[in-house]
Amino acid sequence: MKLWRIGTLVLLSALLTGCTGTVYVTSVPDGALVYDRNYLGGYSQPLQKGITPVHYPRSRCKRESVKVTWPDGSESDWQEQSGMIGTEDFHFHFIK
C-alpha cells in the first residue's frame, strides 16, 4: 500500500471518530479546582471542569491545556499535551 493511502486512511479515521479521548486530572493534595483552557476567537477562556480527581471528555482534537487552583488560592502553571488524532487519553498530575 502506498504511503499516501495510509496517510489518507489515518486522516479519514480521525475525521470519522472525532475527539473521543478523555482528560484525567489528579493532584496532591486532592481537592484542587481544575481549569481547561478553551481557545475562542484568538484568546483563551479558562473553563472550570471540576475538583480533582476528575475526568472529562476532550474539548479539542489536538491539544489540551490544564491548570489547577488549590483550596488556599495558590495556582499551578498551565500544563499542555498534544496528540495526533484526538483519540488519545491525556493524564495530568499536579503536585503542590
N, C-alpha and C. Protein backbone atom coordinates (compact mmCIF):
# COMPACT_ATOMS: atom_id res chain seq x y z
N MET A 1 0.85 -1.18 0.00
CA MET A 1 0.00 0.00 0.00
C MET A 1 0.89 1.24 0.00
N LYS A 2 0.57 2.20 -0.81
CA LYS A 2 1.39 3.39 -0.91
C LYS A 2 1.22 4.27 0.32
N LEU A 3 2.27 5.02 0.63
CA LEU A 3 2.31 5.84 1.83
C LEU A 3 1.18 6.86 1.86
N TRP A 4 0.84 7.47 0.74
CA TRP A 4 -0.22 8.47 0.75
C TRP A 4 -1.57 7.85 1.07
N ARG A 5 -1.75 6.58 0.70
CA ARG A 5 -3.02 5.89 1.03
C ARG A 5 -3.13 5.65 2.53
N ILE A 6 -2.02 5.29 3.15
CA ILE A 6 -2.02 5.09 4.60
C ILE A 6 -2.34 6.40 5.31
N GLY A 7 -1.70 7.50 4.86
CA GLY A 7 -1.98 8.82 5.44
C GLY A 7 -3.43 9.22 5.27
N THR A 8 -3.99 8.92 4.11
CA THR A 8 -5.39 9.23 3.86
C THR A 8 -6.31 8.42 4.78
N LEU A 9 -6.00 7.16 4.99
CA LEU A 9 -6.80 6.32 5.89
C LEU A 9 -6.74 6.82 7.33
N VAL A 10 -5.56 7.23 7.78
CA VAL A 10 -5.41 7.75 9.15
C VAL A 10 -6.23 9.03 9.30
N LEU A 11 -6.13 9.94 8.35
CA LEU A 11 -6.88 11.18 8.39
C LEU A 11 -8.38 10.93 8.35
N LEU A 12 -8.82 10.04 7.51
CA LEU A 12 -10.24 9.71 7.40
C LEU A 12 -10.76 9.11 8.70
N SER A 13 -9.99 8.21 9.31
CA SER A 13 -10.44 7.62 10.57
C SER A 13 -10.51 8.67 11.67
N ALA A 14 -9.59 9.63 11.67
CA ALA A 14 -9.63 10.69 12.68
C ALA A 14 -10.86 11.56 12.49
N LEU A 15 -11.20 11.87 11.26
CA LEU A 15 -12.37 12.69 11.00
C LEU A 15 -13.66 11.97 11.36
N LEU A 16 -13.71 10.68 11.13
CA LEU A 16 -14.92 9.91 11.43
C LEU A 16 -15.11 9.66 12.92
N THR A 17 -14.01 9.46 13.65
CA THR A 17 -14.14 9.18 15.08
C THR A 17 -14.22 10.44 15.90
N GLY A 18 -13.71 11.57 15.40
CA GLY A 18 -13.75 12.81 16.15
C GLY A 18 -12.81 12.76 17.35
N CYS A 19 -13.08 13.61 18.32
CA CYS A 19 -12.26 13.67 19.53
C CYS A 19 -12.93 12.80 20.59
N THR A 20 -12.43 11.61 20.75
CA THR A 20 -13.09 10.67 21.66
C THR A 20 -12.27 10.39 22.91
N GLY A 21 -11.14 11.05 23.06
CA GLY A 21 -10.29 10.82 24.23
C GLY A 21 -10.85 11.46 25.48
N THR A 22 -10.23 11.13 26.60
CA THR A 22 -10.63 11.64 27.91
C THR A 22 -9.44 12.33 28.56
N VAL A 23 -9.72 13.40 29.31
CA VAL A 23 -8.70 14.09 30.09
C VAL A 23 -8.86 13.66 31.54
N TYR A 24 -7.77 13.17 32.14
CA TYR A 24 -7.76 12.77 33.56
C TYR A 24 -6.86 13.74 34.31
N VAL A 25 -7.36 14.31 35.40
CA VAL A 25 -6.58 15.27 36.17
C VAL A 25 -6.57 14.84 37.64
N THR A 26 -5.37 14.73 38.20
CA THR A 26 -5.20 14.41 39.62
C THR A 26 -4.27 15.44 40.23
N SER A 27 -4.30 15.53 41.56
CA SER A 27 -3.41 16.45 42.25
C SER A 27 -3.08 15.93 43.64
N VAL A 28 -1.96 16.41 44.16
CA VAL A 28 -1.56 16.14 45.54
C VAL A 28 -1.38 17.49 46.20
N PRO A 29 -2.22 17.86 47.15
CA PRO A 29 -3.36 17.11 47.67
C PRO A 29 -4.57 17.19 46.72
N ASP A 30 -5.52 16.26 46.93
CA ASP A 30 -6.78 16.30 46.19
C ASP A 30 -7.55 17.57 46.54
N GLY A 31 -8.57 17.85 45.76
CA GLY A 31 -9.46 18.96 46.07
C GLY A 31 -9.16 20.25 45.33
N ALA A 32 -8.29 20.19 44.32
CA ALA A 32 -7.96 21.40 43.55
C ALA A 32 -9.00 21.61 42.45
N LEU A 33 -9.31 22.86 42.18
CA LEU A 33 -10.25 23.22 41.12
C LEU A 33 -9.52 23.17 39.78
N VAL A 34 -10.09 22.47 38.80
CA VAL A 34 -9.45 22.24 37.50
C VAL A 34 -9.98 23.22 36.47
N TYR A 35 -9.05 23.81 35.71
CA TYR A 35 -9.40 24.69 34.60
C TYR A 35 -8.83 24.13 33.31
N ASP A 36 -9.64 24.16 32.26
CA ASP A 36 -9.22 23.74 30.92
C ASP A 36 -9.25 24.99 30.05
N ARG A 37 -8.15 25.26 29.34
CA ARG A 37 -8.07 26.47 28.51
C ARG A 37 -8.80 26.20 27.20
N ASN A 38 -9.75 27.05 26.89
CA ASN A 38 -10.55 26.93 25.68
C ASN A 38 -10.23 28.13 24.79
N TYR A 39 -9.70 27.89 23.61
CA TYR A 39 -9.33 28.97 22.70
C TYR A 39 -10.51 29.37 21.84
N LEU A 40 -11.02 30.57 22.04
CA LEU A 40 -12.16 31.07 21.26
C LEU A 40 -11.81 32.44 20.69
N GLY A 41 -11.92 32.61 19.42
CA GLY A 41 -11.71 33.91 18.81
C GLY A 41 -10.33 34.48 19.01
N GLY A 42 -9.31 33.64 19.13
CA GLY A 42 -7.95 34.12 19.27
C GLY A 42 -7.50 34.39 20.70
N TYR A 43 -8.36 34.21 21.69
CA TYR A 43 -7.95 34.38 23.07
C TYR A 43 -8.39 33.16 23.88
N SER A 44 -7.78 33.00 25.04
CA SER A 44 -8.10 31.81 25.83
C SER A 44 -9.12 32.15 26.91
N GLN A 45 -10.03 31.24 27.11
CA GLN A 45 -11.08 31.38 28.12
C GLN A 45 -11.02 30.15 29.01
N PRO A 46 -10.48 30.26 30.25
CA PRO A 46 -10.42 29.08 31.12
C PRO A 46 -11.83 28.64 31.56
N LEU A 47 -12.09 27.36 31.45
CA LEU A 47 -13.38 26.80 31.85
C LEU A 47 -13.18 25.85 33.02
N GLN A 48 -14.01 25.98 34.06
CA GLN A 48 -13.93 25.07 35.20
C GLN A 48 -14.43 23.69 34.80
N LYS A 49 -13.68 22.66 35.20
CA LYS A 49 -14.04 21.29 34.84
C LYS A 49 -14.30 20.39 36.03
N GLY A 50 -14.13 20.87 37.26
CA GLY A 50 -14.41 20.04 38.42
C GLY A 50 -13.30 20.12 39.45
N ILE A 51 -13.38 19.23 40.42
CA ILE A 51 -12.43 19.16 41.54
C ILE A 51 -11.66 17.85 41.41
N THR A 52 -10.32 17.92 41.62
CA THR A 52 -9.50 16.71 41.49
C THR A 52 -9.84 15.70 42.58
N PRO A 53 -9.79 14.42 42.24
CA PRO A 53 -9.55 13.83 40.92
C PRO A 53 -10.80 13.94 40.04
N VAL A 54 -10.58 14.20 38.75
CA VAL A 54 -11.70 14.39 37.82
C VAL A 54 -11.30 13.90 36.44
N HIS A 55 -12.28 13.53 35.64
CA HIS A 55 -12.05 13.23 34.23
C HIS A 55 -13.22 13.78 33.43
N TYR A 56 -12.92 14.15 32.18
CA TYR A 56 -13.95 14.73 31.31
C TYR A 56 -13.54 14.51 29.86
N PRO A 57 -14.49 14.59 28.92
CA PRO A 57 -14.17 14.39 27.50
C PRO A 57 -13.27 15.51 26.99
N ARG A 58 -12.40 15.17 26.07
CA ARG A 58 -11.53 16.19 25.48
C ARG A 58 -12.35 17.23 24.75
N SER A 59 -11.92 18.48 24.85
CA SER A 59 -12.66 19.57 24.19
C SER A 59 -12.05 19.94 22.84
N ARG A 60 -10.81 19.56 22.61
CA ARG A 60 -10.16 19.84 21.34
C ARG A 60 -9.46 18.58 20.85
N CYS A 61 -9.30 18.49 19.55
CA CYS A 61 -8.73 17.27 18.98
C CYS A 61 -7.21 17.20 19.12
N LYS A 62 -6.51 18.31 19.07
CA LYS A 62 -5.06 18.23 19.03
C LYS A 62 -4.37 18.52 20.35
N ARG A 63 -4.84 19.50 21.12
CA ARG A 63 -4.09 19.93 22.30
C ARG A 63 -5.02 20.21 23.47
N GLU A 64 -4.57 19.88 24.65
CA GLU A 64 -5.29 20.21 25.89
C GLU A 64 -4.36 21.00 26.79
N SER A 65 -4.89 22.06 27.41
CA SER A 65 -4.15 22.87 28.37
C SER A 65 -4.94 22.89 29.68
N VAL A 66 -4.28 22.52 30.78
CA VAL A 66 -4.96 22.37 32.07
C VAL A 66 -4.13 23.03 33.16
N LYS A 67 -4.79 23.65 34.13
CA LYS A 67 -4.14 24.12 35.36
C LYS A 67 -5.10 23.88 36.51
N VAL A 68 -4.58 23.98 37.74
CA VAL A 68 -5.42 23.81 38.92
C VAL A 68 -5.19 24.96 39.89
N THR A 69 -6.21 25.21 40.72
CA THR A 69 -6.12 26.15 41.83
C THR A 69 -6.46 25.38 43.09
N TRP A 70 -5.53 25.37 44.05
CA TRP A 70 -5.77 24.65 45.31
C TRP A 70 -6.69 25.46 46.22
N PRO A 71 -7.29 24.81 47.22
CA PRO A 71 -8.24 25.49 48.11
C PRO A 71 -7.69 26.75 48.78
N ASP A 72 -6.36 26.83 48.99
CA ASP A 72 -5.80 28.03 49.62
C ASP A 72 -5.61 29.18 48.65
N GLY A 73 -5.96 28.97 47.35
CA GLY A 73 -5.87 30.03 46.35
C GLY A 73 -4.62 29.99 45.49
N SER A 74 -3.64 29.17 45.83
CA SER A 74 -2.43 29.10 45.01
C SER A 74 -2.74 28.35 43.71
N GLU A 75 -2.06 28.77 42.64
CA GLU A 75 -2.33 28.22 41.31
C GLU A 75 -1.10 27.51 40.75
N SER A 76 -1.35 26.52 39.93
CA SER A 76 -0.27 25.84 39.21
C SER A 76 -0.02 26.58 37.90
N ASP A 77 1.04 26.21 37.22
CA ASP A 77 1.26 26.66 35.85
C ASP A 77 0.38 25.83 34.92
N TRP A 78 0.16 26.33 33.70
CA TRP A 78 -0.57 25.56 32.70
C TRP A 78 0.30 24.40 32.25
N GLN A 79 -0.31 23.22 32.11
CA GLN A 79 0.35 22.07 31.50
C GLN A 79 -0.36 21.79 30.18
N GLU A 80 0.41 21.42 29.16
CA GLU A 80 -0.17 21.12 27.86
C GLU A 80 0.28 19.76 27.38
N GLN A 81 -0.62 19.09 26.67
CA GLN A 81 -0.30 17.84 26.00
C GLN A 81 -0.92 17.88 24.61
N SER A 82 -0.22 17.30 23.66
CA SER A 82 -0.70 17.26 22.29
C SER A 82 -0.85 15.82 21.82
N GLY A 83 -1.79 15.61 20.93
CA GLY A 83 -2.00 14.29 20.35
C GLY A 83 -2.15 14.40 18.85
N MET A 84 -2.10 13.27 18.20
CA MET A 84 -2.16 13.26 16.74
C MET A 84 -3.58 13.26 16.19
N ILE A 85 -4.45 12.39 16.72
CA ILE A 85 -5.75 12.23 16.06
C ILE A 85 -6.95 12.37 16.98
N GLY A 86 -6.77 12.77 18.21
CA GLY A 86 -7.91 13.06 19.06
C GLY A 86 -8.50 11.89 19.80
N THR A 87 -7.92 10.70 19.69
CA THR A 87 -8.48 9.55 20.41
C THR A 87 -7.65 9.19 21.64
N GLU A 88 -6.53 9.86 21.84
CA GLU A 88 -5.68 9.55 22.99
C GLU A 88 -6.29 10.11 24.28
N ASP A 89 -6.04 9.43 25.39
CA ASP A 89 -6.38 9.96 26.70
C ASP A 89 -5.20 10.78 27.19
N PHE A 90 -5.48 11.91 27.84
CA PHE A 90 -4.44 12.75 28.41
C PHE A 90 -4.51 12.64 29.92
N HIS A 91 -3.36 12.52 30.56
CA HIS A 91 -3.27 12.42 32.02
C HIS A 91 -2.42 13.58 32.53
N PHE A 92 -2.98 14.39 33.42
CA PHE A 92 -2.28 15.49 34.05
C PHE A 92 -2.22 15.23 35.54
N HIS A 93 -1.05 15.49 36.14
CA HIS A 93 -0.90 15.32 37.58
C HIS A 93 -0.18 16.55 38.13
N PHE A 94 -0.78 17.19 39.11
CA PHE A 94 -0.23 18.39 39.71
C PHE A 94 0.15 18.11 41.17
N ILE A 95 1.32 18.60 41.56
CA ILE A 95 1.78 18.46 42.94
C ILE A 95 2.03 19.85 43.49
N LYS A 96 1.45 20.12 44.64
CA LYS A 96 1.62 21.45 45.26
C LYS A 96 2.98 21.56 45.91
